[in-house]
């Protein structure tokens, strides 16, 4: 079992009941996923990077971690900054 990364606070407006649900983060898009989905065995894992995945990232079928996306965005930014200086 992985450690939770956050807490989802759910409030029932009709009854006023408040429920706190532990969440984990998707390693590819940083969405929060309720931990009970992973405890029940319906959670997704990336076999390449070993991170927890949300259903939409698991459906993509490829490993594209958030760190790689940020690295590509920074490389594009540096490229365009260099082009502007010319």
N, C-alpha and C. Protein backbone atom coordinates (compact mmCIF):
# COMPACT_ATOMS: atom_id res chain seq x y z
N UNK A 1 0.85 -1.18 0.00
CA UNK A 1 0.00 0.00 0.00
C UNK A 1 0.88 1.24 0.00
N UNK A 2 0.56 2.15 -0.85
CA UNK A 2 1.31 3.39 -0.93
C UNK A 2 0.81 4.38 0.11
N UNK A 3 1.66 5.33 0.46
CA UNK A 3 1.27 6.37 1.40
C UNK A 3 0.41 7.39 0.68
N UNK A 4 -0.59 7.94 1.35
CA UNK A 4 -1.42 8.96 0.72
C UNK A 4 -0.64 10.25 0.49
N UNK A 5 -0.98 10.95 -0.60
CA UNK A 5 -0.34 12.22 -0.94
C UNK A 5 -1.21 13.42 -0.62
N UNK A 6 -2.48 13.19 -0.32
CA UNK A 6 -3.38 14.30 -0.07
C UNK A 6 -4.67 13.82 0.56
N UNK A 7 -5.58 14.75 0.77
CA UNK A 7 -6.86 14.43 1.39
C UNK A 7 -7.96 15.13 0.59
N UNK A 8 -9.00 14.37 0.27
CA UNK A 8 -10.19 14.89 -0.38
C UNK A 8 -11.25 15.06 0.70
N UNK A 9 -11.82 16.24 0.82
CA UNK A 9 -12.86 16.48 1.82
C UNK A 9 -14.19 16.54 1.10
N UNK A 10 -15.05 15.59 1.42
CA UNK A 10 -16.35 15.47 0.76
C UNK A 10 -17.44 15.85 1.76
N UNK A 11 -18.29 16.79 1.37
CA UNK A 11 -19.36 17.26 2.24
C UNK A 11 -20.70 16.95 1.60
N UNK A 12 -21.57 16.25 2.33
CA UNK A 12 -22.92 15.98 1.86
C UNK A 12 -23.78 17.17 2.26
N UNK A 13 -24.23 17.95 1.29
CA UNK A 13 -24.99 19.16 1.59
C UNK A 13 -26.35 18.86 2.20
N UNK A 14 -26.93 17.72 1.88
CA UNK A 14 -28.24 17.39 2.42
C UNK A 14 -28.18 17.05 3.90
N UNK A 15 -27.17 16.29 4.31
CA UNK A 15 -27.08 15.85 5.70
C UNK A 15 -26.05 16.63 6.51
N UNK A 16 -25.12 17.27 5.83
CA UNK A 16 -24.06 18.00 6.53
C UNK A 16 -22.90 17.13 6.96
N UNK A 17 -22.92 15.85 6.59
CA UNK A 17 -21.82 14.95 6.95
C UNK A 17 -20.57 15.29 6.15
N UNK A 18 -19.44 15.25 6.83
CA UNK A 18 -18.14 15.52 6.20
C UNK A 18 -17.32 14.24 6.25
N UNK A 19 -16.71 13.89 5.12
CA UNK A 19 -15.89 12.68 5.04
C UNK A 19 -14.54 13.04 4.43
N UNK A 20 -13.46 12.58 5.04
CA UNK A 20 -12.12 12.78 4.51
C UNK A 20 -11.65 11.50 3.86
N UNK A 21 -11.15 11.61 2.62
CA UNK A 21 -10.70 10.45 1.86
C UNK A 21 -9.23 10.68 1.49
N UNK A 22 -8.36 9.74 1.85
CA UNK A 22 -6.96 9.83 1.46
C UNK A 22 -6.84 9.67 -0.05
N UNK A 23 -5.91 10.43 -0.66
CA UNK A 23 -5.71 10.35 -2.10
C UNK A 23 -4.24 10.09 -2.40
N UNK A 24 -3.98 9.54 -3.57
CA UNK A 24 -2.63 9.43 -4.10
C UNK A 24 -2.62 10.17 -5.44
N UNK A 25 -1.43 10.53 -5.90
CA UNK A 25 -1.32 11.32 -7.13
C UNK A 25 -0.88 10.45 -8.30
N UNK A 26 -1.44 10.75 -9.46
CA UNK A 26 -1.05 10.07 -10.69
C UNK A 26 0.37 10.53 -11.04
N UNK A 27 1.23 9.60 -11.36
CA UNK A 27 2.61 9.92 -11.69
C UNK A 27 2.79 10.52 -13.06
N UNK A 28 1.74 10.50 -13.89
CA UNK A 28 1.85 11.03 -15.25
C UNK A 28 1.15 12.36 -15.44
N UNK A 29 0.15 12.69 -14.60
CA UNK A 29 -0.58 13.96 -14.80
C UNK A 29 -0.83 14.73 -13.50
N UNK A 30 -0.48 14.15 -12.36
CA UNK A 30 -0.65 14.77 -11.03
C UNK A 30 -2.10 14.93 -10.60
N UNK A 31 -3.03 14.18 -11.16
CA UNK A 31 -4.40 14.18 -10.66
C UNK A 31 -4.44 13.40 -9.35
N UNK A 32 -5.36 13.78 -8.47
CA UNK A 32 -5.54 13.05 -7.23
C UNK A 32 -6.55 11.93 -7.44
N UNK A 33 -6.24 10.76 -6.93
CA UNK A 33 -7.06 9.57 -7.07
C UNK A 33 -7.41 9.08 -5.67
N UNK A 34 -8.69 8.82 -5.38
CA UNK A 34 -9.03 8.29 -4.05
C UNK A 34 -8.32 6.97 -3.78
N UNK A 35 -7.77 6.82 -2.58
CA UNK A 35 -7.01 5.61 -2.23
C UNK A 35 -7.88 4.36 -2.24
N UNK A 36 -9.17 4.49 -1.99
CA UNK A 36 -10.00 3.29 -1.95
C UNK A 36 -10.06 2.61 -3.30
N UNK A 37 -9.82 3.32 -4.39
CA UNK A 37 -9.78 2.67 -5.70
C UNK A 37 -8.58 1.73 -5.78
N UNK A 38 -7.45 2.14 -5.16
CA UNK A 38 -6.26 1.29 -5.21
C UNK A 38 -6.32 0.19 -4.17
N UNK A 39 -7.03 0.41 -3.08
CA UNK A 39 -7.16 -0.62 -2.06
C UNK A 39 -8.06 -1.76 -2.54
N UNK A 40 -9.04 -1.41 -3.40
CA UNK A 40 -9.97 -2.44 -3.87
C UNK A 40 -9.40 -3.24 -5.04
N UNK A 41 -8.20 -2.89 -5.50
CA UNK A 41 -7.59 -3.63 -6.59
C UNK A 41 -7.93 -3.09 -7.96
N UNK A 42 -8.65 -1.97 -8.04
CA UNK A 42 -9.01 -1.42 -9.34
C UNK A 42 -8.05 -0.32 -9.77
N UNK A 43 -6.98 -0.10 -9.02
CA UNK A 43 -6.02 0.95 -9.35
C UNK A 43 -5.10 0.53 -10.48
N UNK A 44 -4.42 1.50 -11.05
CA UNK A 44 -3.52 1.26 -12.17
C UNK A 44 -2.10 1.61 -11.78
N UNK A 45 -1.15 0.87 -12.33
CA UNK A 45 0.27 1.10 -12.10
C UNK A 45 0.98 1.11 -13.43
N UNK A 46 2.00 1.94 -13.56
CA UNK A 46 2.84 1.96 -14.76
C UNK A 46 3.96 0.96 -14.54
N UNK A 47 4.05 -0.03 -15.39
CA UNK A 47 5.08 -1.05 -15.21
C UNK A 47 6.47 -0.52 -15.59
N UNK A 48 6.51 0.58 -16.33
CA UNK A 48 7.81 1.13 -16.74
C UNK A 48 8.43 2.00 -15.64
N UNK A 49 7.66 2.96 -15.10
CA UNK A 49 8.21 3.86 -14.08
C UNK A 49 7.78 3.48 -12.66
N UNK A 50 6.81 2.58 -12.52
CA UNK A 50 6.39 2.10 -11.21
C UNK A 50 5.55 3.09 -10.42
N UNK A 51 4.87 4.00 -11.10
CA UNK A 51 4.07 5.00 -10.41
C UNK A 51 2.58 4.69 -10.53
N UNK A 52 1.81 5.23 -9.59
CA UNK A 52 0.36 5.10 -9.60
C UNK A 52 -0.19 5.91 -10.77
N UNK A 53 -1.22 5.38 -11.44
CA UNK A 53 -1.82 6.07 -12.58
C UNK A 53 -3.31 6.26 -12.37
N UNK A 54 -3.84 7.35 -12.95
CA UNK A 54 -5.28 7.55 -13.00
C UNK A 54 -5.82 6.75 -14.19
N UNK A 55 -7.12 6.49 -14.26
CA UNK A 55 -7.66 5.70 -15.37
C UNK A 55 -7.39 6.29 -16.75
N UNK A 56 -7.41 7.62 -16.89
CA UNK A 56 -7.19 8.19 -18.22
C UNK A 56 -5.74 8.02 -18.68
N UNK A 57 -4.77 8.14 -17.78
CA UNK A 57 -3.37 7.93 -18.16
C UNK A 57 -3.09 6.44 -18.40
N UNK A 58 -3.75 5.57 -17.65
CA UNK A 58 -3.57 4.14 -17.85
C UNK A 58 -4.11 3.72 -19.21
N UNK A 59 -5.13 4.41 -19.69
CA UNK A 59 -5.71 4.09 -20.99
C UNK A 59 -4.84 4.51 -22.15
N UNK A 60 -3.88 5.42 -21.93
CA UNK A 60 -2.99 5.86 -23.01
C UNK A 60 -2.05 4.76 -23.47
N UNK A 61 -1.62 3.91 -22.55
CA UNK A 61 -0.76 2.79 -22.89
C UNK A 61 0.72 3.10 -23.02
N UNK A 62 1.13 4.35 -22.77
CA UNK A 62 2.55 4.67 -22.84
C UNK A 62 2.99 5.33 -21.54
N UNK A 63 4.29 5.29 -21.28
CA UNK A 63 4.84 5.89 -20.06
C UNK A 63 5.32 7.29 -20.39
N UNK A 64 4.63 8.29 -19.83
CA UNK A 64 5.01 9.69 -20.04
C UNK A 64 4.90 10.41 -18.70
N UNK A 65 5.93 10.24 -17.82
CA UNK A 65 5.87 10.84 -16.49
C UNK A 65 5.84 12.36 -16.54
N UNK A 66 5.34 12.95 -15.49
CA UNK A 66 5.23 14.40 -15.40
C UNK A 66 6.60 15.07 -15.52
N UNK A 67 7.63 14.46 -14.94
CA UNK A 67 8.98 15.03 -15.01
C UNK A 67 9.44 15.16 -16.47
N UNK A 68 9.13 14.18 -17.30
CA UNK A 68 9.50 14.24 -18.72
C UNK A 68 8.74 15.34 -19.44
N UNK A 69 7.46 15.50 -19.10
CA UNK A 69 6.66 16.57 -19.72
C UNK A 69 7.22 17.94 -19.35
N UNK A 70 7.61 18.12 -18.09
CA UNK A 70 8.18 19.39 -17.65
C UNK A 70 9.51 19.64 -18.34
N UNK A 71 10.33 18.60 -18.48
CA UNK A 71 11.61 18.74 -19.17
C UNK A 71 11.44 19.15 -20.62
N UNK A 72 10.45 18.57 -21.31
CA UNK A 72 10.20 18.96 -22.70
C UNK A 72 9.72 20.40 -22.79
N UNK A 73 8.87 20.81 -21.86
CA UNK A 73 8.37 22.19 -21.86
C UNK A 73 9.51 23.17 -21.62
N UNK A 74 10.42 22.85 -20.69
CA UNK A 74 11.57 23.72 -20.43
C UNK A 74 12.50 23.80 -21.64
N UNK A 75 12.70 22.68 -22.32
CA UNK A 75 13.55 22.67 -23.50
C UNK A 75 12.95 23.54 -24.61
N UNK A 76 11.63 23.45 -24.80
CA UNK A 76 10.96 24.30 -25.79
C UNK A 76 11.10 25.77 -25.41
N UNK A 77 10.95 26.08 -24.13
CA UNK A 77 11.05 27.45 -23.67
C UNK A 77 12.45 28.00 -23.92
N UNK A 78 13.48 27.21 -23.58
CA UNK A 78 14.86 27.65 -23.81
C UNK A 78 15.15 27.83 -25.29
N UNK A 79 14.61 26.93 -26.13
CA UNK A 79 14.81 27.04 -27.57
C UNK A 79 14.23 28.34 -28.09
N UNK A 80 12.99 28.65 -27.70
CA UNK A 80 12.35 29.87 -28.19
C UNK A 80 13.00 31.13 -27.61
N UNK A 81 13.53 31.05 -26.39
CA UNK A 81 14.25 32.19 -25.84
C UNK A 81 15.52 32.45 -26.65
N UNK A 82 16.21 31.39 -27.06
CA UNK A 82 17.42 31.54 -27.88
C UNK A 82 17.10 32.09 -29.25
N UNK A 83 15.97 31.68 -29.83
CA UNK A 83 15.57 32.17 -31.15
C UNK A 83 15.24 33.67 -31.07
N UNK A 84 14.60 34.10 -30.01
CA UNK A 84 14.26 35.52 -29.84
C UNK A 84 15.51 36.38 -29.73
N UNK A 85 16.56 35.84 -29.11
CA UNK A 85 17.80 36.61 -28.92
C UNK A 85 18.55 36.80 -30.23
N UNK A 86 18.33 35.93 -31.20
CA UNK A 86 19.03 36.05 -32.48
C UNK A 86 18.42 37.19 -33.24
